[in-house]
């Protein structure tokens, strides 16, 4: 049962689908909304976001009780001035005053955060990393993001841009990344590049011609199809995911050697592959991490699943309101 005098917070996870929810002060989700995002028009996209937020604010159970809104947005989110400096993998809204327009439309306190930071905060506050002080969180989806919690505090960097793990270099040369560099982790291990590598393997290696993915490739091959094929035992899907895990393990080992964290927590839609991917990450990280550091670190799949970003954004808003109320 819920205390109907207690506040709600709206958490939003912005991606190719706009996902939002009413969340209570304990991180429990009460009402969700999902809308396929506009991909071309920045103004239409912003109107979508505002409409989703207004619908949740005005829902019967929430009326008059929404205390704040937290939004997790992919890309570079400035902290000193709440603006989107770079919008990754989405329609470009950098010329819009997104914060100002949403704040004016909703009339409640608003917190902007990078999507990976929001998801990490959710896992730290009430998920797999609850109770820990030093956590490295990675989210694997259309892009690759990461977040650091050190000493029980979310680390954003000098300008708010920390955590761009997808642009760690793991391959000399390599294909060009959207950032302009080459050899970035994201060019190999993000969702779209997992699909690309499956297609390339099907073309180059005839031993995989009987894979069910060979039939699906004639249509729209997707990460969920690859993950499901791997879970069903398809060797091509498993081989590509294991290779993906090795790249992640190598990159993560560098973070472990540098920061000596208690947990590596992996989230995002690609992690629906579960132990197939996690085991490959762990094995490769072990090879490249100092033994004492590796043995002191746990590897885990996020406990909150696809709700991590929503819950984390809402709880960041909760804590921002509490901080403002403190003398």
Protein backbone atom coordinates (compact mmCIF):
# COMPACT_ATOMS: atom_id res chain seq x y z
CA UNK A 1 0.00 0.00 0.00
CA UNK A 2 1.08 3.54 -0.69
CA UNK A 3 0.73 6.60 1.54
CA UNK A 4 -1.42 8.85 -0.62
CA UNK A 5 -0.07 11.95 1.09
CA UNK A 6 3.50 11.18 -0.05
CA UNK A 7 4.88 12.68 -3.25
CA UNK A 8 5.48 11.17 -6.65
CA UNK A 9 8.45 11.86 -8.88
CA UNK A 10 8.46 11.45 -12.64
CA UNK A 11 11.43 9.61 -14.08
CA UNK A 12 12.15 9.75 -17.80
CA UNK A 13 14.55 7.69 -19.91
CA UNK A 14 15.02 9.32 -23.30
CA UNK A 15 15.92 7.08 -26.22
CA UNK A 16 14.42 5.87 -29.45
CA UNK A 17 11.46 5.20 -27.19
CA UNK A 18 10.52 7.85 -24.63
CA UNK A 19 9.95 5.90 -21.42
CA UNK A 20 8.56 7.64 -18.36
CA UNK A 21 6.92 6.67 -15.09
CA UNK A 22 5.48 7.83 -11.83
CA UNK A 23 7.89 6.68 -9.13
CA UNK A 24 7.46 6.98 -5.38
CA UNK A 25 10.12 8.04 -2.89
CA UNK A 26 11.24 4.42 -2.41
CA UNK A 27 11.86 3.87 -6.12
CA UNK A 28 8.69 1.88 -6.82
CA UNK A 29 7.12 2.35 -10.26
CA UNK A 30 3.35 2.99 -10.26
CA UNK A 31 2.40 4.08 -13.74
CA UNK A 32 4.43 3.91 -16.97
CA UNK A 33 4.22 5.50 -20.40
CA UNK A 34 6.07 4.56 -23.58
CA UNK A 35 6.05 6.52 -26.84
CA UNK A 36 8.10 5.88 -29.97
CA UNK A 37 10.28 8.95 -30.38
CA UNK A 38 10.17 11.35 -33.31
CA UNK A 39 13.43 10.83 -35.23
CA UNK A 40 13.70 13.94 -37.45
CA UNK A 41 12.00 17.07 -36.14
CA UNK A 42 13.49 18.52 -32.90
CA UNK A 43 10.41 20.60 -32.16
CA UNK A 44 8.05 17.63 -32.62
CA UNK A 45 10.32 15.52 -30.44
CA UNK A 46 10.29 18.09 -27.66
CA UNK A 47 6.49 18.34 -27.88
CA UNK A 48 6.32 14.56 -27.48
CA UNK A 49 8.42 14.66 -24.32
CA UNK A 50 6.31 17.45 -22.83
CA UNK A 51 3.07 15.63 -23.69
CA UNK A 52 4.27 12.44 -21.97
CA UNK A 53 5.24 14.39 -18.86
CA UNK A 54 1.98 16.33 -18.72
CA UNK A 55 -0.06 13.12 -19.04
CA UNK A 56 1.74 11.57 -16.08
CA UNK A 57 1.53 14.74 -13.99
CA UNK A 58 -2.19 14.94 -14.64
CA UNK A 59 -2.94 11.24 -14.06
CA UNK A 60 -5.61 10.76 -11.41
CA UNK A 61 -3.33 9.07 -8.87
CA UNK A 62 -0.65 11.76 -9.24
CA UNK A 63 -2.70 14.94 -9.41
CA UNK A 64 -1.13 17.55 -7.16
CA UNK A 65 1.56 15.18 -5.87
CA UNK A 66 4.35 15.37 -8.48
CA UNK A 67 7.20 17.00 -6.56
CA UNK A 68 9.90 16.92 -9.25
CA UNK A 69 10.93 15.45 -12.59
CA UNK A 70 14.19 13.72 -13.43
CA UNK A 71 15.21 13.18 -17.05
CA UNK A 72 18.00 10.89 -18.25
CA UNK A 73 19.14 11.99 -21.71
CA UNK A 74 21.83 10.32 -23.86
CA UNK A 75 24.76 12.54 -24.76
CA UNK A 76 26.69 15.30 -23.07
CA UNK A 77 24.62 17.11 -20.47
CA UNK A 78 26.11 20.29 -19.05
CA UNK A 79 25.77 20.62 -15.29
CA UNK A 80 26.75 24.26 -14.79
CA UNK A 81 24.11 25.32 -17.30
CA UNK A 82 21.41 22.66 -17.81
CA UNK A 83 21.72 22.31 -21.58
CA UNK A 84 22.22 19.37 -23.90
CA UNK A 85 25.66 19.92 -25.42
CA UNK A 86 25.59 16.81 -27.60
CA UNK A 87 22.59 14.57 -28.28
CA UNK A 88 23.84 11.09 -29.17
CA UNK A 89 21.84 8.78 -31.48
CA UNK A 90 18.75 11.01 -31.36
CA UNK A 91 17.27 13.99 -33.13
CA UNK A 92 19.52 16.99 -32.53
CA UNK A 93 17.91 19.26 -29.92
CA UNK A 94 21.08 21.15 -28.99
CA UNK A 95 19.65 24.38 -30.45
CA UNK A 96 16.55 24.12 -28.24
CA UNK A 97 16.26 25.29 -24.65
CA UNK A 98 14.99 21.85 -23.65
CA UNK A 99 15.36 22.43 -19.92
CA UNK A 100 13.65 25.84 -20.02
CA UNK A 101 10.72 24.71 -22.14
CA UNK A 102 10.01 21.58 -20.08
CA UNK A 103 10.36 23.52 -16.82
CA UNK A 104 7.93 26.18 -18.04
CA UNK A 105 5.41 23.62 -19.34
CA UNK A 106 5.37 21.45 -16.21
CA UNK A 107 5.93 23.99 -13.45
CA UNK A 108 7.81 21.65 -11.10
CA UNK A 109 11.52 21.29 -10.26
CA UNK A 110 13.45 19.57 -13.04
CA UNK A 111 16.72 17.64 -13.00
CA UNK A 112 18.64 16.79 -16.17
CA UNK A 113 21.16 13.97 -16.16
CA UNK A 114 23.05 11.80 -18.60
CA UNK A 115 21.10 8.56 -19.16
CA UNK A 116 23.91 6.28 -17.96
CA UNK A 117 24.33 8.35 -14.80
CA UNK A 118 20.60 8.06 -14.14
CA UNK A 119 20.60 4.28 -14.63
CA UNK A 120 23.68 3.88 -12.43
CA UNK A 121 22.00 5.94 -9.71
CA UNK A 122 18.96 3.69 -9.86
CA UNK A 123 21.05 0.54 -9.48
CA UNK A 124 23.02 2.15 -6.64
CA UNK A 125 19.95 3.48 -4.81
CA UNK A 126 17.77 0.38 -4.96
CA UNK A 127 19.22 -2.18 -7.37
CA UNK A 128 22.22 -4.46 -7.81
CA UNK A 129 24.73 -1.95 -6.39
CA UNK A 130 22.71 -0.91 -3.34
CA UNK A 131 24.90 -0.37 -0.29
CA UNK A 132 28.18 -0.14 -2.21
CA UNK A 133 30.46 2.89 -2.34
CA UNK A 134 32.54 2.39 -5.50
CA UNK A 135 30.75 1.20 -8.63
CA UNK A 136 31.43 1.27 -12.36
CA UNK A 137 28.20 1.01 -14.35
CA UNK A 138 28.02 0.34 -18.10
CA UNK A 139 24.92 0.47 -20.26
CA UNK A 140 24.94 -1.28 -23.64
CA UNK A 141 22.32 -0.37 -26.21
CA UNK A 142 22.22 1.80 -29.33
CA UNK A 143 25.26 3.50 -27.81
CA UNK A 144 27.55 2.66 -24.92
CA UNK A 145 27.55 4.80 -21.80
CA UNK A 146 29.04 4.48 -18.37
CA UNK A 147 28.90 6.08 -14.96
CA UNK A 148 31.10 6.14 -11.89
CA UNK A 149 30.00 6.18 -8.30
CA UNK A 150 33.04 6.76 -6.07
CA UNK A 151 32.85 7.20 -2.33
CA UNK A 152 29.05 6.95 -2.58
CA UNK A 153 28.82 9.95 -4.92
CA UNK A 154 27.98 10.12 -8.61
CA UNK A 155 30.98 11.51 -10.49
CA UNK A 156 30.19 13.82 -13.39
CA UNK A 157 33.59 15.33 -14.17
CA UNK A 158 34.61 18.97 -14.42
CA UNK A 159 31.95 19.87 -17.01
CA UNK A 160 29.38 17.10 -16.49
CA UNK A 161 30.65 15.03 -19.42
CA UNK A 162 32.33 12.09 -17.64
CA UNK A 163 31.44 8.52 -18.56
CA UNK A 164 31.80 8.40 -22.35
CA UNK A 165 33.03 4.82 -22.15
CA UNK A 166 31.88 4.07 -25.69
CA UNK A 167 34.75 6.21 -26.96
CA UNK A 168 37.50 4.30 -25.19
CA UNK A 169 39.84 3.04 -27.94
CA UNK A 170 40.05 -0.76 -28.16
CA UNK A 171 41.20 -1.32 -31.74
CA UNK A 172 44.10 0.27 -33.56
CA UNK A 173 42.63 2.10 -36.52
CA UNK A 174 39.23 0.48 -36.84
CA UNK A 175 36.14 1.92 -38.45
CA UNK A 176 35.19 5.55 -38.02
CA UNK A 177 32.97 6.41 -35.07
CA UNK A 178 30.27 9.07 -34.93
CA UNK A 179 32.59 11.05 -32.66
CA UNK A 180 35.10 11.38 -35.51
CA UNK A 181 37.64 8.98 -34.01
CA UNK A 182 38.49 5.41 -34.97
CA UNK A 183 38.66 2.20 -32.98
CA UNK A 184 36.11 3.26 -30.35
CA UNK A 185 34.45 0.53 -28.28
CA UNK A 186 31.09 1.76 -29.60
CA UNK A 187 32.08 0.93 -33.21
CA UNK A 188 32.39 -2.73 -32.23
CA UNK A 189 30.18 -3.48 -29.26
CA UNK A 190 27.10 -1.22 -29.42
CA UNK A 191 23.77 -2.71 -30.49
CA UNK A 192 23.92 -1.61 -34.16
CA UNK A 193 27.51 -2.82 -34.46
CA UNK A 194 26.66 -6.20 -32.98
CA UNK A 195 24.11 -6.48 -35.81
CA UNK A 196 26.75 -5.36 -38.33
CA UNK A 197 29.23 -7.98 -37.12
CA UNK A 198 26.63 -10.77 -37.32
CA UNK A 199 25.89 -9.79 -40.93
CA UNK A 200 29.58 -9.70 -41.79
CA UNK A 201 30.15 -13.12 -40.20
CA UNK A 202 27.26 -14.60 -42.16
CA UNK A 203 28.73 -13.30 -45.40
CA UNK A 204 32.33 -14.31 -44.66
CA UNK A 205 31.95 -17.67 -42.91
CA UNK A 206 29.87 -20.33 -44.74
CA UNK A 207 29.91 -22.58 -41.66
CA UNK A 208 27.17 -20.37 -40.21
CA UNK A 209 24.87 -20.70 -43.24
CA UNK A 210 22.41 -22.85 -41.30
CA UNK A 211 22.03 -20.31 -38.52
CA UNK A 212 18.44 -19.08 -38.12
CA UNK A 213 19.92 -15.58 -38.29
CA UNK A 214 20.76 -16.21 -41.96
CA UNK A 215 17.04 -16.29 -42.71
CA UNK A 216 16.28 -13.25 -40.55
CA UNK A 217 19.05 -11.31 -42.26
CA UNK A 218 16.87 -11.06 -45.35
CA UNK A 219 14.60 -8.80 -43.34
CA UNK A 220 15.41 -6.51 -40.44
CA UNK A 221 17.97 -8.17 -38.20
CA UNK A 222 17.91 -6.74 -34.68
CA UNK A 223 19.73 -7.08 -31.37
CA UNK A 224 16.71 -8.75 -29.67
CA UNK A 225 16.72 -11.40 -32.42
CA UNK A 226 20.45 -12.00 -31.93
CA UNK A 227 20.10 -12.17 -28.15
CA UNK A 228 17.18 -14.60 -28.38
CA UNK A 229 19.07 -16.75 -30.88
CA UNK A 230 22.02 -16.88 -28.47
CA UNK A 231 19.74 -17.89 -25.60
CA UNK A 232 18.28 -20.60 -27.87
CA UNK A 233 21.78 -21.97 -28.50
CA UNK A 234 22.61 -20.48 -31.91
CA UNK A 235 26.40 -20.67 -32.18
CA UNK A 236 26.80 -17.64 -34.47
CA UNK A 237 24.91 -15.38 -32.06
CA UNK A 238 26.85 -16.80 -29.13
CA UNK A 239 30.18 -16.33 -30.91
CA UNK A 240 29.49 -12.67 -31.68
CA UNK A 241 28.28 -11.96 -28.14
CA UNK A 242 31.31 -13.70 -26.62
CA UNK A 243 33.56 -11.61 -28.85
CA UNK A 244 31.65 -8.51 -27.76
CA UNK A 245 32.22 -9.51 -24.15
CA UNK A 246 35.95 -9.80 -24.75
CA UNK A 247 36.15 -6.24 -26.03
CA UNK A 248 34.20 -5.03 -23.01
CA UNK A 249 36.34 -7.07 -20.65
CA UNK A 250 39.53 -5.52 -22.01
CA UNK A 251 38.18 -1.98 -21.71
CA UNK A 252 36.76 -2.61 -18.23
CA UNK A 253 40.08 -4.03 -17.02
CA UNK A 254 41.68 -0.64 -17.61
CA UNK A 255 39.03 1.01 -15.43
CA UNK A 256 39.52 -1.59 -12.69
CA UNK A 257 43.28 -1.14 -12.64
CA UNK A 258 42.82 2.62 -12.42
CA UNK A 259 39.98 2.88 -9.88
CA UNK A 260 39.74 -0.39 -7.91
CA UNK A 261 35.93 -0.43 -7.68
CA UNK A 262 33.79 -2.86 -5.70
CA UNK A 263 31.41 -3.72 -8.54
CA UNK A 264 31.09 -3.61 -12.29
CA UNK A 265 27.36 -3.45 -13.06
CA UNK A 266 26.19 -4.01 -16.64
CA UNK A 267 22.82 -2.86 -17.93
CA UNK A 268 20.98 -1.93 -21.09
CA UNK A 269 19.04 -4.04 -23.62
CA UNK A 270 22.05 -6.05 -24.84
CA UNK A 271 22.47 -7.44 -21.31
CA UNK A 272 19.30 -9.47 -21.82
CA UNK A 273 21.89 -11.97 -23.13
CA UNK A 274 22.70 -12.53 -19.46
CA UNK A 275 25.51 -14.89 -18.49
CA UNK A 276 26.55 -15.49 -22.13
CA UNK A 277 27.86 -11.93 -22.28
CA UNK A 278 28.69 -11.44 -18.61
CA UNK A 279 30.87 -14.56 -18.47
CA UNK A 280 32.91 -13.39 -21.49
CA UNK A 281 33.36 -9.95 -19.93
CA UNK A 282 34.48 -11.41 -16.62
CA UNK A 283 36.94 -13.87 -18.20
CA UNK A 284 38.62 -11.21 -20.34
CA UNK A 285 38.77 -8.69 -17.50
CA UNK A 286 40.47 -11.29 -15.32
CA UNK A 287 43.28 -11.63 -17.88
CA UNK A 288 44.11 -7.92 -17.85
CA UNK A 289 43.38 -6.83 -14.28
CA UNK A 290 45.77 -7.03 -11.34
CA UNK A 291 44.79 -10.13 -9.37
CA UNK A 292 44.09 -8.43 -6.04
CA UNK A 293 41.93 -5.80 -7.73
CA UNK A 294 39.98 -8.33 -9.78
CA UNK A 295 39.33 -10.57 -6.78
CA UNK A 296 37.92 -7.63 -4.84
CA UNK A 297 35.41 -6.73 -7.54
CA UNK A 298 32.01 -8.26 -8.26
CA UNK A 299 30.50 -8.39 -11.75
CA UNK A 300 26.72 -8.16 -11.94
CA UNK A 301 23.85 -7.59 -14.32
CA UNK A 302 21.64 -4.68 -13.28
CA UNK A 303 18.68 -5.74 -11.14
CA UNK A 304 16.30 -3.04 -12.40
CA UNK A 305 16.42 -4.02 -16.07
CA UNK A 306 15.00 -1.47 -18.47
CA UNK A 307 13.56 0.55 -15.57
CA UNK A 308 16.98 1.51 -14.19
CA UNK A 309 17.10 4.86 -16.00
CA UNK A 310 13.52 5.76 -15.11
CA UNK A 311 13.96 4.93 -11.44
CA UNK A 312 17.37 6.56 -11.21
CA UNK A 313 16.17 9.79 -12.84
CA UNK A 314 13.20 9.95 -10.46
CA UNK A 315 15.39 9.38 -7.41
CA UNK A 316 17.88 12.00 -8.56
CA UNK A 317 14.93 14.41 -8.69
CA UNK A 318 13.84 13.25 -5.22
CA UNK A 319 17.27 13.90 -3.78
CA UNK A 320 17.60 17.27 -5.50
CA UNK A 321 14.31 18.41 -3.91
CA UNK A 322 15.50 17.16 -0.52
CA UNK A 323 18.77 19.04 -0.91
CA UNK A 324 16.94 22.26 -1.78
CA UNK A 325 14.76 21.86 1.31
CA UNK A 326 17.74 21.40 3.63
CA UNK A 327 18.80 24.50 5.58
